[in-house]
Amino acid sequence: MLHVFVETNWVVDYAAPVHYRAPAAVRLLDRTRAGELRLHLPSICLSEARRPILTKHQSRHTDTVRQFLKWAKPRGLVNTEDGLATGRVLDLLEQQVRTDLSELDQTLVNLAQDRALDVFPLDGSMLERVASLSFEKLDLHPFDHAVLAAVLVRAEMLRSEGETEVVFCELDSDLQPWDRQRRRKDPLAALYDAAGVWVYGDFVLKAPERPAGWAGAVP
């Protein structure tokens, strides 16, 4: 079985208002529901995702368009018909965003209760790992330390149970084991290797390509 870890950026892309949702994020959960893989999410990521979704996906750009229409129509740059049609589209967009954001908390609850998704809390071993990671010179924020510890400890547990296919989808550059030039970034890369975790930079499990038979540094 392929075990796939995700974190806050997956929740944000999955639970955003419908027209902002990333198809690859949605597809990943569909695949676990179909039995193709097992999806794992630290529970702290559900609560952490709420604020960026609410902040990022307000319909601020509609105000910009309305201001432009207000300026452009008297100057003959936009005719009445186009202005009315644009206004109707903006109204629909704003209504859809309001509806989706009003349902956000329930969407997050549904994720937490979805049996296809392994939502797991931080346990004592993970909290101990958070403390030890603070001495690794990783230059991470405290929340990233918690996510990293959760993934490493859970992955190590899976590997100890005989699972060999363990990957992490990580779109946040801070937790990716490579820099902008795709050069290996230690000591972070070494931690993933030791836990037997391959890190992808997308939700389609494509890049960077995992070498055939890769098993990290796990004996």
C-alpha atoms as a PDB file:
ATOM      1  CA  MET A   1       0.000   0.000   0.000  1.00  0.00           C
ATOM      2  CA  LEU A   2       1.215   3.485  -0.857  1.00  0.00           C
ATOM      3  CA  HIS A   3       1.057   5.773   2.189  1.00  0.00           C
ATOM      4  CA  VAL A   4       0.854   9.489   1.371  1.00  0.00           C
ATOM      5  CA  PHE A   5       1.311  12.233   3.957  1.00  0.00           C
ATOM      6  CA  VAL A   6      -0.150  15.692   3.403  1.00  0.00           C
ATOM      7  CA  GLU A   7      -0.332  18.802   5.557  1.00  0.00           C
ATOM      8  CA  THR A   8      -1.950  22.237   5.737  1.00  0.00           C
ATOM      9  CA  ASN A   9      -1.371  23.235   2.115  1.00  0.00           C
ATOM     10  CA  TRP A  10      -3.372  20.198   0.987  1.00  0.00           C
ATOM     11  CA  VAL A  11      -6.277  21.126   3.291  1.00  0.00           C
ATOM     12  CA  VAL A  12      -6.230  24.707   1.952  1.00  0.00           C
ATOM     13  CA  ASP A  13      -6.294  23.511  -1.657  1.00  0.00           C
ATOM     14  CA  TYR A  14      -9.000  20.922  -0.953  1.00  0.00           C
ATOM     15  CA  ALA A  15     -11.347  22.964   1.258  1.00  0.00           C
ATOM     16  CA  ALA A  16     -11.177  26.327  -0.536  1.00  0.00           C
ATOM     17  CA  PRO A  17     -14.283  27.735  -2.271  1.00  0.00           C
ATOM     18  CA  VAL A  18     -15.167  25.413  -5.126  1.00  0.00           C
ATOM     19  CA  HIS A  19     -13.727  27.448  -7.988  1.00  0.00           C
ATOM     20  CA  TYR A  20     -10.407  27.790  -6.135  1.00  0.00           C
ATOM     21  CA  ARG A  21     -10.033  24.106  -5.262  1.00  0.00           C
ATOM     22  CA  ALA A  22      -7.026  22.360  -6.728  1.00  0.00           C
ATOM     23  CA  PRO A  23      -8.170  19.365  -8.804  1.00  0.00           C
ATOM     24  CA  ALA A  24      -5.013  17.464  -7.831  1.00  0.00           C
ATOM     25  CA  ALA A  25      -5.820  17.884  -4.128  1.00  0.00           C
ATOM     26  CA  VAL A  26      -9.375  16.650  -4.656  1.00  0.00           C
ATOM     27  CA  ARG A  27      -8.121  13.768  -6.774  1.00  0.00           C
ATOM     28  CA  LEU A  28      -5.764  12.645  -4.019  1.00  0.00           C
ATOM     29  CA  LEU A  29      -8.653  12.061  -1.618  1.00  0.00           C
ATOM     30  CA  ASP A  30     -10.667  10.391  -4.379  1.00  0.00           C
ATOM     31  CA  ARG A  31      -7.788   7.979  -4.895  1.00  0.00           C
ATOM     32  CA  THR A  32      -7.654   7.040  -1.227  1.00  0.00           C
ATOM     33  CA  ARG A  33     -11.425   6.495  -1.227  1.00  0.00           C
ATOM     34  CA  ALA A  34     -10.946   4.181  -4.184  1.00  0.00           C
ATOM     35  CA  GLY A  35      -8.347   2.184  -2.258  1.00  0.00           C
ATOM     36  CA  GLU A  36      -5.380   3.197  -4.412  1.00  0.00           C
ATOM     37  CA  LEU A  37      -3.459   4.676  -1.488  1.00  0.00           C
ATOM     38  CA  ARG A  38      -3.749   5.691   2.166  1.00  0.00           C
ATOM     39  CA  LEU A  39      -3.779   9.413   2.971  1.00  0.00           C
ATOM     40  CA  HIS A  40      -2.393  10.650   6.309  1.00  0.00           C
ATOM     41  CA  LEU A  41      -2.909  14.135   7.801  1.00  0.00           C
ATOM     42  CA  PRO A  42      -1.720  15.542  11.158  1.00  0.00           C
ATOM     43  CA  SER A  43      -4.860  16.791  12.900  1.00  0.00           C
ATOM     44  CA  ILE A  44      -3.271  20.163  13.743  1.00  0.00           C
ATOM     45  CA  CYS A  45      -3.338  20.980  10.023  1.00  0.00           C
ATOM     46  CA  LEU A  46      -7.140  21.106   9.953  1.00  0.00           C
ATOM     47  CA  SER A  47      -7.337  23.977  12.413  1.00  0.00           C
ATOM     48  CA  GLU A  48      -4.315  25.721  10.902  1.00  0.00           C
ATOM     49  CA  ALA A  49      -5.886  25.719   7.427  1.00  0.00           C
ATOM     50  CA  ARG A  50      -8.976  27.683   8.443  1.00  0.00           C
ATOM     51  CA  ARG A  51      -7.363  31.110   8.673  1.00  0.00           C
ATOM     52  CA  PRO A  52      -5.496  31.074   5.325  1.00  0.00           C
ATOM     53  CA  ILE A  53      -8.634  29.863   3.542  1.00  0.00           C
ATOM     54  CA  LEU A  54     -10.725  32.671   5.030  1.00  0.00           C
ATOM     55  CA  THR A  55      -8.012  35.246   4.403  1.00  0.00           C
ATOM     56  CA  LYS A  56      -6.953  34.220   0.912  1.00  0.00           C
ATOM     57  CA  HIS A  57     -10.316  33.541  -0.664  1.00  0.00           C
ATOM     58  CA  GLN A  58     -12.410  36.578   0.149  1.00  0.00           C
ATOM     59  CA  SER A  59     -13.774  38.199  -3.021  1.00  0.00           C
ATOM     60  CA  ARG A  60     -11.513  41.244  -2.850  1.00  0.00           C
ATOM     61  CA  HIS A  61     -10.847  41.327  -6.578  1.00  0.00           C
ATOM     62  CA  THR A  62     -14.526  41.896  -7.304  1.00  0.00           C
ATOM     63  CA  ASP A  63     -14.277  45.311  -5.627  1.00  0.00           C
ATOM     64  CA  THR A  64     -11.417  46.177  -7.980  1.00  0.00           C
ATOM     65  CA  VAL A  65     -13.499  45.206 -11.012  1.00  0.00           C
ATOM     66  CA  ARG A  66     -16.499  47.186  -9.755  1.00  0.00           C
ATOM     67  CA  GLN A  67     -14.314  50.255  -9.259  1.00  0.00           C
ATOM     68  CA  PHE A  68     -12.975  49.854 -12.787  1.00  0.00           C
ATOM     69  CA  LEU A  69     -16.510  49.602 -14.208  1.00  0.00           C
ATOM     70  CA  LYS A  70     -17.517  52.707 -12.293  1.00  0.00           C
ATOM     71  CA  TRP A  71     -14.597  54.581 -13.831  1.00  0.00           C
ATOM     72  CA  ALA A  72     -14.809  53.043 -17.329  1.00  0.00           C
ATOM     73  CA  LYS A  73     -18.528  53.330 -18.130  1.00  0.00           C
ATOM     74  CA  PRO A  74     -18.741  57.159 -18.141  1.00  0.00           C
ATOM     75  CA  ARG A  75     -15.727  57.205 -20.441  1.00  0.00           C
ATOM     76  CA  GLY A  76     -17.338  54.865 -22.940  1.00  0.00           C
ATOM     77  CA  LEU A  77     -14.793  52.103 -22.384  1.00  0.00           C
ATOM     78  CA  VAL A  78     -17.502  49.640 -21.244  1.00  0.00           C
ATOM     79  CA  ASN A  79     -21.025  49.720 -22.648  1.00  0.00           C
ATOM     80  CA  THR A  80     -24.154  49.292 -20.546  1.00  0.00           C
ATOM     81  CA  GLU A  81     -24.826  45.715 -21.628  1.00  0.00           C
ATOM     82  CA  ASP A  82     -21.312  44.531 -20.810  1.00  0.00           C
ATOM     83  CA  GLY A  83     -21.380  46.392 -17.510  1.00  0.00           C
ATOM     84  CA  LEU A  84     -24.639  44.716 -16.449  1.00  0.00           C
ATOM     85  CA  ALA A  85     -23.380  41.278 -17.523  1.00  0.00           C
ATOM     86  CA  THR A  86     -20.140  41.750 -15.617  1.00  0.00           C
ATOM     87  CA  GLY A  87     -22.060  42.883 -12.538  1.00  0.00           C
ATOM     88  CA  ARG A  88     -24.217  39.749 -12.642  1.00  0.00           C
ATOM     89  CA  VAL A  89     -21.128  37.533 -12.840  1.00  0.00           C
ATOM     90  CA  LEU A  90     -19.539  39.368  -9.914  1.00  0.00           C
ATOM     91  CA  ASP A  91     -22.722  38.930  -7.872  1.00  0.00           C
ATOM     92  CA  LEU A  92     -22.690  35.184  -8.569  1.00  0.00           C
ATOM     93  CA  LEU A  93     -19.011  34.935  -7.644  1.00  0.00           C
ATOM     94  CA  GLU A  94     -19.490  36.795  -4.361  1.00  0.00           C
ATOM     95  CA  GLN A  95     -22.517  34.698  -3.441  1.00  0.00           C
ATOM     96  CA  GLN A  96     -20.679  31.457  -4.167  1.00  0.00           C
ATOM     97  CA  VAL A  97     -17.676  32.491  -2.074  1.00  0.00           C
ATOM     98  CA  ARG A  98     -19.918  33.546   0.835  1.00  0.00           C
ATOM     99  CA  THR A  99     -21.751  30.228   0.692  1.00  0.00           C
ATOM    100  CA  ASP A 100     -18.583  28.139   0.553  1.00  0.00           C
ATOM    101  CA  LEU A 101     -16.864  30.060   3.337  1.00  0.00           C
ATOM    102  CA  SER A 102     -19.968  29.817   5.532  1.00  0.00           C
ATOM    103  CA  GLU A 103     -19.702  26.036   5.128  1.00  0.00           C
ATOM    104  CA  LEU A 104     -15.950  25.898   5.752  1.00  0.00           C
ATOM    105  CA  ASP A 105     -16.144  24.697   9.353  1.00  0.00           C
ATOM    106  CA  GLN A 106     -18.436  21.852   8.332  1.00  0.00           C
ATOM    107  CA  THR A 107     -16.112  20.986   5.456  1.00  0.00           C
ATOM    108  CA  LEU A 108     -13.211  20.687   7.912  1.00  0.00           C
ATOM    109  CA  VAL A 109     -15.338  18.593  10.279  1.00  0.00           C
ATOM    110  CA  ASN A 110     -16.245  16.314   7.382  1.00  0.00           C
ATOM    111  CA  LEU A 111     -12.569  15.844   6.591  1.00  0.00           C
ATOM    112  CA  ALA A 112     -11.801  15.029  10.216  1.00  0.00           C
ATOM    113  CA  GLN A 113     -14.519  12.387  10.187  1.00  0.00           C
ATOM    114  CA  ASP A 114     -13.807  10.945   6.736  1.00  0.00           C
ATOM    115  CA  ARG A 115     -12.852   7.301   7.214  1.00  0.00           C
ATOM    116  CA  ALA A 116     -10.810   7.361   4.024  1.00  0.00           C
ATOM    117  CA  LEU A 117      -8.489   9.950   5.558  1.00  0.00           C
ATOM    118  CA  ASP A 118      -6.191   9.036   8.449  1.00  0.00           C
ATOM    119  CA  VAL A 119      -6.306  12.168  10.607  1.00  0.00           C
ATOM    120  CA  PHE A 120      -3.947  11.584  13.521  1.00  0.00           C
ATOM    121  CA  PRO A 121      -3.087  13.697  16.582  1.00  0.00           C
ATOM    122  CA  LEU A 122       0.386  14.460  17.861  1.00  0.00           C
ATOM    123  CA  ASP A 123       1.358  11.884  20.478  1.00  0.00           C
ATOM    124  CA  GLY A 124       4.112  11.877  23.075  1.00  0.00           C
ATOM    125  CA  SER A 125       6.733  10.537  20.676  1.00  0.00           C
ATOM    126  CA  MET A 126       5.977  13.285  18.192  1.00  0.00           C
ATOM    127  CA  LEU A 127       6.190  15.986  20.844  1.00  0.00           C
ATOM    128  CA  GLU A 128       9.562  14.602  21.919  1.00  0.00           C
ATOM    129  CA  ARG A 129      10.698  14.735  18.302  1.00  0.00           C
ATOM    130  CA  VAL A 130       9.578  18.368  18.064  1.00  0.00           C
ATOM    131  CA  ALA A 131      11.958  19.160  20.924  1.00  0.00           C
ATOM    132  CA  SER A 132      14.849  17.264  19.347  1.00  0.00           C
ATOM    133  CA  LEU A 133      14.314  18.911  15.967  1.00  0.00           C
ATOM    134  CA  SER A 134      14.913  22.306  17.537  1.00  0.00           C
ATOM    135  CA  PHE A 135      18.586  21.337  17.799  1.00  0.00           C
ATOM    136  CA  GLU A 136      18.886  20.293  14.140  1.00  0.00           C
ATOM    137  CA  LYS A 137      19.459  23.825  12.741  1.00  0.00           C
ATOM    138  CA  LEU A 138      16.550  23.460  10.339  1.00  0.00           C
ATOM    139  CA  ASP A 139      15.516  27.134  10.393  1.00  0.00           C
ATOM    140  CA  LEU A 140      11.810  26.245  10.587  1.00  0.00           C
ATOM    141  CA  HIS A 141       8.841  27.865  12.278  1.00  0.00           C
ATOM    142  CA  PRO A 142       7.467  26.052  15.360  1.00  0.00           C
ATOM    143  CA  PHE A 143       4.414  24.799  13.467  1.00  0.00           C
ATOM    144  CA  ASP A 144       6.627  23.350  10.738  1.00  0.00           C
ATOM    145  CA  HIS A 145       8.632  21.558  13.434  1.00  0.00           C
ATOM    146  CA  ALA A 146       5.392  19.979  14.651  1.00  0.00           C
ATOM    147  CA  VAL A 147       4.331  18.884  11.158  1.00  0.00           C
ATOM    148  CA  LEU A 148       7.766  17.477  10.383  1.00  0.00           C
ATOM    149  CA  ALA A 149       7.887  15.577  13.660  1.00  0.00           C
ATOM    150  CA  ALA A 150       4.419  14.144  13.068  1.00  0.00           C
ATOM    151  CA  VAL A 151       5.326  12.933   9.567  1.00  0.00           C
ATOM    152  CA  LEU A 152       8.697  11.462  10.556  1.00  0.00           C
ATOM    153  CA  VAL A 153       7.423   9.580  13.601  1.00  0.00           C
ATOM    154  CA  ARG A 154       4.330   8.255  11.841  1.00  0.00           C
ATOM    155  CA  ALA A 155       6.401   7.231   8.819  1.00  0.00           C
ATOM    156  CA  GLU A 156       8.894   5.416  11.022  1.00  0.00           C
ATOM    157  CA  MET A 157       6.028   3.547  12.646  1.00  0.00           C
ATOM    158  CA  LEU A 158       4.704   2.474   9.239  1.00  0.00           C
ATOM    159  CA  ARG A 159       8.151   1.343   8.143  1.00  0.00           C
ATOM    160  CA  SER A 160       8.548  -0.684  11.357  1.00  0.00           C
ATOM    161  CA  GLU A 161       5.295  -2.456  10.458  1.00  0.00           C
ATOM    162  CA  GLY A 162       6.744  -3.497   7.110  1.00  0.00           C
ATOM    163  CA  GLU A 163       5.347  -0.715   4.905  1.00  0.00           C
ATOM    164  CA  THR A 164       7.834   0.317   2.229  1.00  0.00           C
ATOM    165  CA  GLU A 165       5.909   2.892   0.183  1.00  0.00           C
ATOM    166  CA  VAL A 166       5.853   6.110   2.235  1.00  0.00           C
ATOM    167  CA  VAL A 167       5.794   9.571   0.628  1.00  0.00           C
ATOM    168  CA  PHE A 168       5.054  13.155   1.640  1.00  0.00           C
ATOM    169  CA  CYS A 169       3.373  15.731  -0.635  1.00  0.00           C
ATOM    170  CA  GLU A 170       4.862  19.056   0.391  1.00  0.00           C
ATOM    171  CA  LEU A 171       4.294  22.324  -1.467  1.00  0.00           C
ATOM    172  CA  ASP A 172       5.852  24.511   1.229  1.00  0.00           C
ATOM    173  CA  SER A 173       9.458  25.266   0.316  1.00  0.00           C
ATOM    174  CA  ASP A 174      10.459  25.381   3.988  1.00  0.00           C
ATOM    175  CA  LEU A 175       9.723  21.672   4.399  1.00  0.00           C
ATOM    176  CA  GLN A 176      10.972  20.560   0.996  1.00  0.00           C
ATOM    177  CA  PRO A 177      14.380  18.817   1.125  1.00  0.00           C
ATOM    178  CA  TRP A 178      15.723  20.822  -1.820  1.00  0.00           C
ATOM    179  CA  ASP A 179      16.356  24.486  -2.562  1.00  0.00           C
ATOM    180  CA  ARG A 180      15.243  26.570  -5.557  1.00  0.00           C
ATOM    181  CA  GLN A 181      17.993  25.070  -7.686  1.00  0.00           C
ATOM    182  CA  ARG A 182      16.845  21.563  -6.680  1.00  0.00           C
ATOM    183  CA  ARG A 183      20.003  21.040  -4.670  1.00  0.00           C
ATOM    184  CA  ARG A 184      19.794  18.733  -1.688  1.00  0.00           C
ATOM    185  CA  LYS A 185      19.037  20.615   1.523  1.00  0.00           C
ATOM    186  CA  ASP A 186      20.566  18.994   4.584  1.00  0.00           C
ATOM    187  CA  PRO A 187      20.032  18.230   7.411  1.00  0.00           C
ATOM    188  CA  LEU A 188      16.352  18.165   6.385  1.00  0.00           C
ATOM    189  CA  ALA A 189      16.914  15.769   3.478  1.00  0.00           C
ATOM    190  CA  ALA A 190      18.823  13.407   5.752  1.00  0.00           C
ATOM    191  CA  LEU A 191      15.897  13.303   8.191  1.00  0.00           C
ATOM    192  CA  TYR A 192      13.501  12.273   5.420  1.00  0.00           C
ATOM    193  CA  ASP A 193      15.980   9.676   4.174  1.00  0.00           C
ATOM    194  CA  ALA A 194      16.414   8.200   7.631  1.00  0.00           C
ATOM    195  CA  ALA A 195      12.640   7.855   8.005  1.00  0.00           C
ATOM    196  CA  GLY A 196      12.307   6.361   4.520  1.00  0.00           C
ATOM    197  CA  VAL A 197      10.093   9.196   3.255  1.00  0.00           C
ATOM    198  CA  TRP A 198      10.203  10.379  -0.360  1.00  0.00           C
ATOM    199  CA  VAL A 199       9.041  13.993  -0.742  1.00  0.00           C
ATOM    200  CA  TYR A 200       7.029  15.167  -3.742  1.00  0.00           C
ATOM    201  CA  GLY A 201       6.508  18.827  -4.581  1.00  0.00           C
ATOM    202  CA  ASP A 202       3.002  18.246  -5.947  1.00  0.00           C
ATOM    203  CA  PHE A 203      -0.219  16.344  -5.266  1.00  0.00           C
ATOM    204  CA  VAL A 204       0.011  14.113  -8.331  1.00  0.00           C
ATOM    205  CA  LEU A 205       3.041  12.166  -7.043  1.00  0.00           C
ATOM    206  CA  LYS A 206       5.194  13.030 -10.045  1.00  0.00           C
ATOM    207  CA  ALA A 207       7.971  15.464  -9.187  1.00  0.00           C
ATOM    208  CA  PRO A 208      10.671  15.050  -8.294  1.00  0.00           C
ATOM    209  CA  GLU A 209      10.608  11.541  -9.715  1.00  0.00           C
ATOM    210  CA  ARG A 210      11.228   8.827  -7.146  1.00  0.00           C
ATOM    211  CA  PRO A 211      13.984   6.422  -8.218  1.00  0.00           C
ATOM    212  CA  ALA A 212      12.867   2.833  -8.684  1.00  0.00           C
ATOM    213  CA  GLY A 213      13.419   0.869  -5.506  1.00  0.00           C
ATOM    214  CA  TRP A 214      14.202   3.940  -3.428  1.00  0.00           C
ATOM    215  CA  ALA A 215      14.009   3.130   0.275  1.00  0.00           C
ATOM    216  CA  GLY A 216      15.800   6.027   1.925  1.00  0.00           C
ATOM    217  CA  ALA A 217      18.480   5.183   4.448  1.00  0.00           C
ATOM    218  CA  VAL A 218      16.316   2.723   6.355  1.00  0.00           C
ATOM    219  CA  PRO A 219      18.201  -0.569   6.955  1.00  0.00           C
END
